[in-house]
């Protein structure tokens, strides 16, 4: 088998899973219920954030919080202050790709 297969979790419970975490790329899968979030932090690489399900509420640097619906892809530059959260009743599901992979 040439390919390596990864399985993403399913459900509505909060999860932050590092699906692929190697020297090339960091690929994360996240699920958040209402009022769940990540701690405020600065991006440590270019971040490509895809909203798979629900509505993302995100504040970047000093901008007001903006909302993005499912099927939306955001490109967030390196060293951007991020405040990622779910302010809605529906479950929020995200795919995060960091490229290049941050140096650990």
PDB file of N, CA and C in Angstrom:
ATOM      1  N   UNK A   1       0.847  -1.176   0.000  1.00  0.00           N
ATOM      2  CA  UNK A   1       0.000   0.000   0.000  1.00  0.00           C
ATOM      3  C   UNK A   1       0.895   1.242   0.000  1.00  0.00           C
ATOM      4  N   UNK A   2       0.760   2.064  -0.990  1.00  0.00           N
ATOM      5  CA  UNK A   2       1.571   3.278  -1.120  1.00  0.00           C
ATOM      6  C   UNK A   2       1.045   4.384  -0.219  1.00  0.00           C
ATOM      7  N   UNK A   3      -0.273   4.550  -0.208  1.00  0.00           N
ATOM      8  CA  UNK A   3      -0.891   5.644   0.538  1.00  0.00           C
ATOM      9  C   UNK A   3      -0.972   5.333   2.027  1.00  0.00           C
ATOM     10  N   UNK A   4      -0.997   6.388   2.808  1.00  0.00           N
ATOM     11  CA  UNK A   4      -1.258   6.262   4.239  1.00  0.00           C
ATOM     12  C   UNK A   4      -2.648   6.826   4.473  1.00  0.00           C
ATOM     13  N   UNK A   5      -3.484   6.126   5.182  1.00  0.00           N
ATOM     14  CA  UNK A   5      -4.881   6.489   5.363  1.00  0.00           C
ATOM     15  C   UNK A   5      -5.097   7.031   6.770  1.00  0.00           C
ATOM     16  N   UNK A   6      -5.840   8.117   6.863  1.00  0.00           N
ATOM     17  CA  UNK A   6      -6.176   8.738   8.141  1.00  0.00           C
ATOM     18  C   UNK A   6      -7.689   8.828   8.240  1.00  0.00           C
ATOM     19  N   UNK A   7      -8.227   8.608   9.420  1.00  0.00           N
ATOM     20  CA  UNK A   7      -9.669   8.661   9.656  1.00  0.00           C
ATOM     21  C   UNK A   7      -9.963   9.826  10.592  1.00  0.00           C
ATOM     22  N   UNK A   8     -10.898  10.686  10.190  1.00  0.00           N
ATOM     23  CA  UNK A   8     -11.306  11.809  11.023  1.00  0.00           C
ATOM     24  C   UNK A   8     -12.427  11.376  11.966  1.00  0.00           C
ATOM     25  N   UNK A   9     -12.434  11.934  13.160  1.00  0.00           N
ATOM     26  CA  UNK A   9     -13.501  11.653  14.116  1.00  0.00           C
ATOM     27  C   UNK A   9     -14.812  12.257  13.629  1.00  0.00           C
ATOM     28  N   UNK A  10     -15.894  11.682  14.103  1.00  0.00           N
ATOM     29  CA  UNK A  10     -17.223  12.205  13.794  1.00  0.00           C
ATOM     30  C   UNK A  10     -17.929  12.510  15.100  1.00  0.00           C
ATOM     31  N   UNK A  11     -18.942  13.356  15.023  1.00  0.00           N
ATOM     32  CA  UNK A  11     -19.749  13.648  16.194  1.00  0.00           C
ATOM     33  C   UNK A  11     -19.918  15.126  16.436  1.00  0.00           C
ATOM     34  N   UNK A  12     -20.409  15.448  17.630  1.00  0.00           N
ATOM     35  CA  UNK A  12     -20.680  16.831  17.996  1.00  0.00           C
ATOM     36  C   UNK A  12     -19.918  17.268  19.248  1.00  0.00           C
ATOM     37  N   UNK A  13     -19.115  16.377  19.805  1.00  0.00           N
ATOM     38  CA  UNK A  13     -18.342  16.698  20.999  1.00  0.00           C
ATOM     39  C   UNK A  13     -17.051  17.411  20.617  1.00  0.00           C
ATOM     40  N   UNK A  14     -16.580  18.296  21.488  1.00  0.00           N
ATOM     41  CA  UNK A  14     -15.362  19.045  21.212  1.00  0.00           C
ATOM     42  C   UNK A  14     -14.187  18.095  20.995  1.00  0.00           C
ATOM     43  N   UNK A  15     -13.466  18.361  19.925  1.00  0.00           N
ATOM     44  CA  UNK A  15     -12.270  17.575  19.631  1.00  0.00           C
ATOM     45  C   UNK A  15     -11.294  18.456  18.861  1.00  0.00           C
ATOM     46  N   UNK A  16     -10.041  18.290  19.153  1.00  0.00           N
ATOM     47  CA  UNK A  16      -8.962  18.900  18.388  1.00  0.00           C
ATOM     48  C   UNK A  16      -7.994  17.767  18.098  1.00  0.00           C
ATOM     49  N   UNK A  17      -7.996  17.294  16.855  1.00  0.00           N
ATOM     50  CA  UNK A  17      -7.145  16.162  16.535  1.00  0.00           C
ATOM     51  C   UNK A  17      -6.106  16.539  15.485  1.00  0.00           C
ATOM     52  N   UNK A  18      -4.885  16.131  15.774  1.00  0.00           N
ATOM     53  CA  UNK A  18      -3.771  16.319  14.855  1.00  0.00           C
ATOM     54  C   UNK A  18      -3.751  15.117  13.928  1.00  0.00           C
ATOM     55  N   UNK A  19      -4.290  15.281  12.749  1.00  0.00           N
ATOM     56  CA  UNK A  19      -4.424  14.165  11.819  1.00  0.00           C
ATOM     57  C   UNK A  19      -3.075  13.865  11.173  1.00  0.00           C
ATOM     58  N   UNK A  20      -2.457  14.862  10.568  1.00  0.00           N
ATOM     59  CA  UNK A  20      -1.113  14.745  10.003  1.00  0.00           C
ATOM     60  C   UNK A  20      -0.277  15.851  10.625  1.00  0.00           C
ATOM     61  N   UNK A  21       0.824  15.485  11.221  1.00  0.00           N
ATOM     62  CA  UNK A  21       1.674  16.440  11.932  1.00  0.00           C
ATOM     63  C   UNK A  21       3.110  16.062  11.630  1.00  0.00           C
ATOM     64  N   UNK A  22       3.586  16.444  10.438  1.00  0.00           N
ATOM     65  CA  UNK A  22       4.945  16.084  10.061  1.00  0.00           C
ATOM     66  C   UNK A  22       5.723  17.303   9.584  1.00  0.00           C
ATOM     67  N   UNK A  23       6.894  17.080   9.018  1.00  0.00           N
ATOM     68  CA  UNK A  23       7.774  18.184   8.616  1.00  0.00           C
ATOM     69  C   UNK A  23       7.246  18.933   7.397  1.00  0.00           C
ATOM     70  N   UNK A  24       6.251  18.392   6.696  1.00  0.00           N
ATOM     71  CA  UNK A  24       5.718  19.027   5.491  1.00  0.00           C
ATOM     72  C   UNK A  24       4.489  19.888   5.749  1.00  0.00           C
ATOM     73  N   UNK A  25       3.586  19.356   6.543  1.00  0.00           N
ATOM     74  CA  UNK A  25       2.307  20.032   6.758  1.00  0.00           C
ATOM     75  C   UNK A  25       1.725  19.612   8.110  1.00  0.00           C
ATOM     76  N   UNK A  26       0.950  20.508   8.696  1.00  0.00           N
ATOM     77  CA  UNK A  26       0.133  20.178   9.862  1.00  0.00           C
ATOM     78  C   UNK A  26      -1.323  20.247   9.396  1.00  0.00           C
ATOM     79  N   UNK A  27      -2.043  19.147   9.583  1.00  0.00           N
ATOM     80  CA  UNK A  27      -3.431  19.016   9.158  1.00  0.00           C
ATOM     81  C   UNK A  27      -4.232  18.652  10.395  1.00  0.00           C
ATOM     82  N   UNK A  28      -5.112  19.553  10.806  1.00  0.00           N
ATOM     83  CA  UNK A  28      -5.888  19.356  12.035  1.00  0.00           C
ATOM     84  C   UNK A  28      -7.372  19.337  11.728  1.00  0.00           C
ATOM     85  N   UNK A  29      -8.103  18.606  12.543  1.00  0.00           N
ATOM     86  CA  UNK A  29      -9.561  18.516  12.452  1.00  0.00           C
ATOM     87  C   UNK A  29     -10.115  18.941  13.807  1.00  0.00           C
ATOM     88  N   UNK A  30     -11.080  19.869  13.786  1.00  0.00           N
ATOM     89  CA  UNK A  30     -11.629  20.398  15.043  1.00  0.00           C
ATOM     90  C   UNK A  30     -13.151  20.424  14.994  1.00  0.00           C
ATOM     91  N   UNK A  31     -13.753  20.101  16.131  1.00  0.00           N
ATOM     92  CA  UNK A  31     -15.203  20.184  16.301  1.00  0.00           C
ATOM     93  C   UNK A  31     -15.464  20.966  17.587  1.00  0.00           C
ATOM     94  N   UNK A  32     -16.367  21.950  17.502  1.00  0.00           N
ATOM     95  CA  UNK A  32     -16.720  22.773  18.663  1.00  0.00           C
ATOM     96  C   UNK A  32     -18.233  22.877  18.790  1.00  0.00           C
ATOM     97  N   UNK A  33     -18.737  22.698  20.026  1.00  0.00           N
ATOM     98  CA  UNK A  33     -20.131  22.973  20.329  1.00  0.00           C
ATOM     99  C   UNK A  33     -20.308  24.456  20.604  1.00  0.00           C
ATOM    100  N   UNK A  34     -21.524  24.850  20.902  1.00  0.00           N
ATOM    101  CA  UNK A  34     -21.831  26.254  21.183  1.00  0.00           C
ATOM    102  C   UNK A  34     -20.951  26.768  22.325  1.00  0.00           C
ATOM    103  N   UNK A  35     -20.386  27.971  22.115  1.00  0.00           N
ATOM    104  CA  UNK A  35     -19.539  28.693  23.075  1.00  0.00           C
ATOM    105  C   UNK A  35     -18.202  28.014  23.358  1.00  0.00           C
ATOM    106  N   UNK A  36     -17.811  27.030  22.555  1.00  0.00           N
ATOM    107  CA  UNK A  36     -16.479  26.431  22.692  1.00  0.00           C
ATOM    108  C   UNK A  36     -15.514  27.155  21.761  1.00  0.00           C
ATOM    109  N   UNK A  37     -14.222  27.145  22.142  1.00  0.00           N
ATOM    110  CA  UNK A  37     -13.253  27.939  21.391  1.00  0.00           C
ATOM    111  C   UNK A  37     -11.843  27.413  21.596  1.00  0.00           C
ATOM    112  N   UNK A  38     -10.929  28.037  20.864  1.00  0.00           N
ATOM    113  CA  UNK A  38      -9.496  27.857  21.098  1.00  0.00           C
ATOM    114  C   UNK A  38      -9.027  29.021  21.955  1.00  0.00           C
ATOM    115  N   UNK A  39      -7.957  28.858  22.711  1.00  0.00           N
ATOM    116  CA  UNK A  39      -7.373  30.015  23.392  1.00  0.00           C
ATOM    117  C   UNK A  39      -6.872  31.009  22.334  1.00  0.00           C
ATOM    118  N   UNK A  40      -6.970  32.282  22.643  1.00  0.00           N
ATOM    119  CA  UNK A  40      -6.426  33.288  21.726  1.00  0.00           C
ATOM    120  C   UNK A  40      -4.935  33.026  21.534  1.00  0.00           C
ATOM    121  N   UNK A  41      -4.479  33.098  20.289  1.00  0.00           N
ATOM    122  CA  UNK A  41      -3.078  32.784  19.988  1.00  0.00           C
ATOM    123  C   UNK A  41      -2.672  33.429  18.668  1.00  0.00           C
ATOM    124  N   UNK A  42      -1.382  33.398  18.377  1.00  0.00           N
ATOM    125  CA  UNK A  42      -0.865  33.895  17.105  1.00  0.00           C
ATOM    126  C   UNK A  42      -0.577  32.707  16.196  1.00  0.00           C
ATOM    127  N   UNK A  43      -0.913  32.845  14.924  1.00  0.00           N
ATOM    128  CA  UNK A  43      -0.647  31.777  13.967  1.00  0.00           C
ATOM    129  C   UNK A  43       0.859  31.574  13.833  1.00  0.00           C
ATOM    130  N   UNK A  44       1.289  30.323  13.852  1.00  0.00           N
ATOM    131  CA  UNK A  44       2.718  30.002  13.779  1.00  0.00           C
ATOM    132  C   UNK A  44       3.130  29.540  12.376  1.00  0.00           C
ATOM    133  N   UNK A  45       2.245  29.762  11.393  1.00  0.00           N
ATOM    134  CA  UNK A  45       2.488  29.443   9.993  1.00  0.00           C
ATOM    135  C   UNK A  45       1.382  30.113   9.187  1.00  0.00           C
ATOM    136  N   UNK A  46       1.383  29.933   7.881  1.00  0.00           N
ATOM    137  CA  UNK A  46       0.211  30.294   7.090  1.00  0.00           C
ATOM    138  C   UNK A  46      -0.865  29.277   7.439  1.00  0.00           C
ATOM    139  N   UNK A  47      -2.077  29.746   7.686  1.00  0.00           N
ATOM    140  CA  UNK A  47      -3.168  28.872   8.101  1.00  0.00           C
ATOM    141  C   UNK A  47      -4.267  28.904   7.044  1.00  0.00           C
ATOM    142  N   UNK A  48      -4.678  27.716   6.623  1.00  0.00           N
ATOM    143  CA  UNK A  48      -5.792  27.568   5.699  1.00  0.00           C
ATOM    144  C   UNK A  48      -6.902  26.875   6.486  1.00  0.00           C
ATOM    145  N   UNK A  49      -7.994  27.595   6.719  1.00  0.00           N
ATOM    146  CA  UNK A  49      -9.062  27.122   7.598  1.00  0.00           C
ATOM    147  C   UNK A  49     -10.329  26.926   6.779  1.00  0.00           C
ATOM    148  N   UNK A  50     -10.810  25.687   6.734  1.00  0.00           N
ATOM    149  CA  UNK A  50     -12.021  25.361   5.995  1.00  0.00           C
ATOM    150  C   UNK A  50     -13.152  25.078   6.963  1.00  0.00           C
ATOM    151  N   UNK A  51     -14.272  25.765   6.785  1.00  0.00           N
ATOM    152  CA  UNK A  51     -15.468  25.526   7.587  1.00  0.00           C
ATOM    153  C   UNK A  51     -16.243  24.391   6.916  1.00  0.00           C
ATOM    154  N   UNK A  52     -16.280  23.246   7.577  1.00  0.00           N
ATOM    155  CA  UNK A  52     -16.957  22.063   7.054  1.00  0.00           C
ATOM    156  C   UNK A  52     -18.434  22.064   7.431  1.00  0.00           C
ATOM    157  N   UNK A  53     -18.705  22.514   8.658  1.00  0.00           N
ATOM    158  CA  UNK A  53     -20.076  22.486   9.169  1.00  0.00           C
ATOM    159  C   UNK A  53     -20.242  23.641  10.149  1.00  0.00           C
ATOM    160  N   UNK A  54     -21.430  24.256  10.172  1.00  0.00           N
ATOM    161  CA  UNK A  54     -21.724  25.309  11.133  1.00  0.00           C
ATOM    162  C   UNK A  54     -21.248  26.676  10.681  1.00  0.00           C
ATOM    163  N   UNK A  55     -21.073  27.567  11.681  1.00  0.00           N
ATOM    164  CA  UNK A  55     -20.654  28.949  11.442  1.00  0.00           C
ATOM    165  C   UNK A  55     -19.464  29.269  12.325  1.00  0.00           C
ATOM    166  N   UNK A  56     -18.375  29.690  11.704  1.00  0.00           N
ATOM    167  CA  UNK A  56     -17.166  30.097  12.411  1.00  0.00           C
ATOM    168  C   UNK A  56     -17.276  31.561  12.792  1.00  0.00           C
ATOM    169  N   UNK A  57     -17.001  31.880  14.048  1.00  0.00           N
ATOM    170  CA  UNK A  57     -16.861  33.266  14.508  1.00  0.00           C
ATOM    171  C   UNK A  57     -15.387  33.460  14.816  1.00  0.00           C
ATOM    172  N   UNK A  58     -14.746  34.411  14.121  1.00  0.00           N
ATOM    173  CA  UNK A  58     -13.300  34.566  14.274  1.00  0.00           C
ATOM    174  C   UNK A  58     -12.922  36.043  14.299  1.00  0.00           C
ATOM    175  N   UNK A  59     -12.079  36.372  15.283  1.00  0.00           N
ATOM    176  CA  UNK A  59     -11.471  37.694  15.357  1.00  0.00           C
ATOM    177  C   UNK A  59     -10.010  37.570  14.989  1.00  0.00           C
ATOM    178  N   UNK A  60      -9.556  38.406  14.060  1.00  0.00           N
ATOM    179  CA  UNK A  60      -8.163  38.389  13.618  1.00  0.00           C
ATOM    180  C   UNK A  60      -7.525  39.744  13.923  1.00  0.00           C
ATOM    181  N   UNK A  61      -6.373  39.692  14.586  1.00  0.00           N
ATOM    182  CA  UNK A  61      -5.690  40.903  15.059  1.00  0.00           C
ATOM    183  C   UNK A  61      -6.695  41.769  15.791  1.00  0.00           C
ATOM    184  N   UNK A  62      -6.877  43.001  15.384  1.00  0.00           N
ATOM    185  CA  UNK A  62      -7.787  43.907  16.099  1.00  0.00           C
ATOM    186  C   UNK A  62      -9.108  44.103  15.366  1.00  0.00           C
ATOM    187  N   UNK A  63      -9.385  43.291  14.342  1.00  0.00           N
ATOM    188  CA  UNK A  63     -10.644  43.394  13.607  1.00  0.00           C
ATOM    189  C   UNK A  63     -11.805  42.929  14.478  1.00  0.00           C
ATOM    190  N   UNK A  64     -12.997  43.406  14.126  1.00  0.00           N
ATOM    191  CA  UNK A  64     -14.199  42.891  14.763  1.00  0.00           C
ATOM    192  C   UNK A  64     -14.359  41.419  14.390  1.00  0.00           C
ATOM    193  N   UNK A  65     -15.085  40.691  15.217  1.00  0.00           N
ATOM    194  CA  UNK A  65     -15.368  39.282  14.933  1.00  0.00           C
ATOM    195  C   UNK A  65     -16.205  39.199  13.655  1.00  0.00           C
ATOM    196  N   UNK A  66     -15.788  38.309  12.773  1.00  0.00           N
ATOM    197  CA  UNK A  66     -16.524  38.061  11.536  1.00  0.00           C
ATOM    198  C   UNK A  66     -17.006  36.622  11.546  1.00  0.00           C
ATOM    199  N   UNK A  67     -18.053  36.360  10.775  1.00  0.00           N
ATOM    200  CA  UNK A  67     -18.628  35.026  10.744  1.00  0.00           C
ATOM    201  C   UNK A  67     -18.566  34.453   9.340  1.00  0.00           C
ATOM    202  N   UNK A  68     -18.260  33.149   9.272  1.00  0.00           N
ATOM    203  CA  UNK A  68     -18.126  32.447   8.004  1.00  0.00           C
ATOM    204  C   UNK A  68     -18.902  31.140   8.069  1.00  0.00           C
ATOM    205  N   UNK A  69     -19.653  30.877   7.013  1.00  0.00           N
ATOM    206  CA  UNK A  69     -20.512  29.702   6.922  1.00  0.00           C
ATOM    207  C   UNK A  69     -19.739  28.511   6.359  1.00  0.00           C
ATOM    208  N   UNK A  70     -20.376  27.333   6.441  1.00  0.00           N
ATOM    209  CA  UNK A  70     -19.790  26.118   5.871  1.00  0.00           C
ATOM    210  C   UNK A  70     -19.441  26.348   4.402  1.00  0.00           C
ATOM    211  N   UNK A  71     -18.480  25.569   3.922  1.00  0.00           N
ATOM    212  CA  UNK A  71     -17.974  25.648   2.552  1.00  0.00           C
ATOM    213  C   UNK A  71     -17.172  26.918   2.292  1.00  0.00           C
ATOM    214  N   UNK A  72     -16.622  27.515   3.348  1.00  0.00           N
ATOM    215  CA  UNK A  72     -15.779  28.702   3.218  1.00  0.00           C
ATOM    216  C   UNK A  72     -14.351  28.327   3.600  1.00  0.00           C
ATOM    217  N   UNK A  73     -13.383  28.828   2.831  1.00  0.00           N
ATOM    218  CA  UNK A  73     -11.964  28.640   3.115  1.00  0.00           C
ATOM    219  C   UNK A  73     -11.345  29.999   3.405  1.00  0.00           C
ATOM    220  N   UNK A  74     -10.670  30.110   4.555  1.00  0.00           N
ATOM    221  CA  UNK A  74      -9.956  31.331   4.926  1.00  0.00           C
ATOM    222  C   UNK A  74      -8.464  31.073   4.835  1.00  0.00           C
ATOM    223  N   UNK A  75      -7.725  32.048   4.322  1.00  0.00           N
ATOM    224  CA  UNK A  75      -6.262  32.009   4.332  1.00  0.00           C
ATOM    225  C   UNK A  75      -5.813  33.092   5.307  1.00  0.00           C
ATOM    226  N   UNK A  76      -5.129  32.663   6.370  1.00  0.00           N
ATOM    227  CA  UNK A  76      -4.718  33.564   7.446  1.00  0.00           C
ATOM    228  C   UNK A  76      -3.196  33.597   7.475  1.00  0.00           C
ATOM    229  N   UNK A  77      -2.601  34.789   7.371  1.00  0.00           N
ATOM    230  CA  UNK A  77      -1.132  34.883   7.308  1.00  0.00           C
ATOM    231  C   UNK A  77      -0.444  34.515   8.624  1.00  0.00           C
ATOM    232  N   UNK A  78       0.825  34.174   8.503  1.00  0.00           N
ATOM    233  CA  UNK A  78       1.707  33.908   9.640  1.00  0.00           C
ATOM    234  C   UNK A  78       1.670  35.083  10.619  1.00  0.00           C
ATOM    235  N   UNK A  79       1.723  34.783  11.903  1.00  0.00           N
ATOM    236  CA  UNK A  79       1.821  35.761  12.990  1.00  0.00           C
ATOM    237  C   UNK A  79       0.591  36.668  13.117  1.00  0.00           C
ATOM    238  N   UNK A  80      -0.579  36.127  12.821  1.00  0.00           N
ATOM    239  CA  UNK A  80      -1.843  36.846  12.988  1.00  0.00           C
ATOM    240  C   UNK A  80      -2.484  36.400  14.296  1.00  0.00           C
ATOM    241  N   UNK A  81      -2.927  37.363  15.103  1.00  0.00           N
ATOM    242  CA  UNK A  81      -3.638  37.013  16.343  1.00  0.00           C
ATOM    243  C   UNK A  81      -5.004  36.452  15.964  1.00  0.00           C
ATOM    244  N   UNK A  82      -5.315  35.287  16.538  1.00  0.00           N
ATOM    245  CA  UNK A  82      -6.539  34.576  16.189  1.00  0.00           C
ATOM    246  C   UNK A  82      -7.383  34.289  17.425  1.00  0.00           C
ATOM    247  N   UNK A  83      -8.673  34.518  17.282  1.00  0.00           N
ATOM    248  CA  UNK A  83      -9.639  34.184  18.317  1.00  0.00           C
ATOM    249  C   UNK A  83     -10.745  33.380  17.631  1.00  0.00           C
ATOM    250  N   UNK A  84     -10.662  32.055  17.717  1.00  0.00           N
ATOM    251  CA  UNK A  84     -11.542  31.126  17.001  1.00  0.00           C
ATOM    252  C   UNK A  84     -12.591  30.597  17.967  1.00  0.00           C
ATOM    253  N   UNK A  85     -13.885  30.694  17.560  1.00  0.00           N
ATOM    254  CA  UNK A  85     -14.936  30.195  18.456  1.00  0.00           C
ATOM    255  C   UNK A  85     -16.225  29.896  17.708  1.00  0.00           C
ATOM    256  N   UNK A  86     -17.088  29.171  18.395  1.00  0.00           N
ATOM    257  CA  UNK A  86     -18.428  28.863  17.898  1.00  0.00           C
ATOM    258  C   UNK A  86     -19.425  29.576  18.803  1.00  0.00           C
ATOM    259  N   UNK A  87     -20.111  30.568  18.265  1.00  0.00           N
ATOM    260  CA  UNK A  87     -21.097  31.325  19.035  1.00  0.00           C
ATOM    261  C   UNK A  87     -22.532  30.889  18.719  1.00  0.00           C
ATOM    262  N   UNK A  88     -22.683  29.798  17.968  1.00  0.00           N
ATOM    263  CA  UNK A  88     -23.997  29.389  17.472  1.00  0.00           C
ATOM    264  C   UNK A  88     -24.410  28.032  18.019  1.00  0.00           C
ATOM    265  N   UNK A  89     -25.696  27.730  17.907  1.00  0.00           N
ATOM    266  CA  UNK A  89     -26.230  26.464  18.403  1.00  0.00           C
ATOM    267  C   UNK A  89     -25.706  25.270  17.611  1.00  0.00           C
ATOM    268  N   UNK A  90     -25.540  25.432  16.305  1.00  0.00           N
ATOM    269  CA  UNK A  90     -25.077  24.328  15.461  1.00  0.00           C
ATOM    270  C   UNK A  90     -23.610  24.021  15.740  1.00  0.00           C
ATOM    271  N   UNK A  91     -23.250  22.756  15.627  1.00  0.00           N
ATOM    272  CA  UNK A  91     -21.869  22.318  15.791  1.00  0.00           C
ATOM    273  C   UNK A  91     -20.997  22.942  14.703  1.00  0.00           C
ATOM    274  N   UNK A  92     -19.797  23.386  15.079  1.00  0.00           N
ATOM    275  CA  UNK A  92     -18.808  23.928  14.155  1.00  0.00           C
ATOM    276  C   UNK A  92     -17.748  22.866  13.907  1.00  0.00           C
ATOM    277  N   UNK A  93     -17.455  22.602  12.633  1.00  0.00           N
ATOM    278  CA  UNK A  93     -16.410  21.651  12.273  1.00  0.00           C
ATOM    279  C   UNK A  93     -15.444  22.335  11.319  1.00  0.00           C
ATOM    280  N   UNK A  94     -14.153  22.229  11.612  1.00  0.00           N
ATOM    281  CA  UNK A  94     -13.112  22.894  10.834  1.00  0.00           C
ATOM    282  C   UNK A  94     -12.024  21.915  10.415  1.00  0.00           C
ATOM    283  N   UNK A  95     -11.411  22.195   9.275  1.00  0.00           N
ATOM    284  CA  UNK A  95     -10.148  21.576   8.868  1.00  0.00           C
ATOM    285  C   UNK A  95      -9.132  22.703   8.828  1.00  0.00           C
ATOM    286  N   UNK A  96      -8.005  22.507   9.486  1.00  0.00           N
ATOM    287  CA  UNK A  96      -6.932  23.495   9.534  1.00  0.00           C
ATOM    288  C   UNK A  96      -5.691  22.876   8.875  1.00  0.00           C
ATOM    289  N   UNK A  97      -5.134  23.599   7.920  1.00  0.00           N
ATOM    290  CA  UNK A  97      -3.898  23.190   7.284  1.00  0.00           C
ATOM    291  C   UNK A  97      -2.878  24.291   7.532  1.00  0.00           C
ATOM    292  N   UNK A  98      -1.723  23.912   8.096  1.00  0.00           N
ATOM    293  CA  UNK A  98      -0.621  24.859   8.315  1.00  0.00           C
ATOM    294  C   UNK A  98       0.491  24.493   7.350  1.00  0.00           C
ATOM    295  N   UNK A  99       0.813  25.463   6.480  1.00  0.00           N
ATOM    296  CA  UNK A  99       1.853  25.224   5.483  1.00  0.00           C
ATOM    297  C   UNK A  99       2.664  26.505   5.275  1.00  0.00           C
ATOM    298  N   UNK A 100       3.951  26.423   5.360  1.00  0.00           N
ATOM    299  CA  UNK A 100       4.711  25.213   5.681  1.00  0.00           C
ATOM    300  C   UNK A 100       4.480  24.812   7.135  1.00  0.00           C
ATOM    301  N   UNK A 101       4.813  23.578   7.431  1.00  0.00           N
ATOM    302  CA  UNK A 101       4.670  23.096   8.809  1.00  0.00           C
ATOM    303  C   UNK A 101       5.524  23.950   9.727  1.00  0.00           C
ATOM    304  N   UNK A 102       4.956  24.395  10.858  1.00  0.00           N
ATOM    305  CA  UNK A 102       5.765  25.172  11.813  1.00  0.00           C
ATOM    306  C   UNK A 102       6.917  24.345  12.358  1.00  0.00           C
ATOM    307  N   UNK A 103       7.982  25.014  12.662  1.00  0.00           N
ATOM    308  CA  UNK A 103       9.128  24.348  13.315  1.00  0.00           C
ATOM    309  C   UNK A 103       8.736  24.091  14.760  1.00  0.00           C
ATOM    310  N   UNK A 104       8.908  22.872  15.209  1.00  0.00           N
ATOM    311  CA  UNK A 104       8.514  22.514  16.581  1.00  0.00           C
ATOM    312  C   UNK A 104       9.704  22.605  17.516  1.00  0.00           C
TER     313      UNK A 104
END
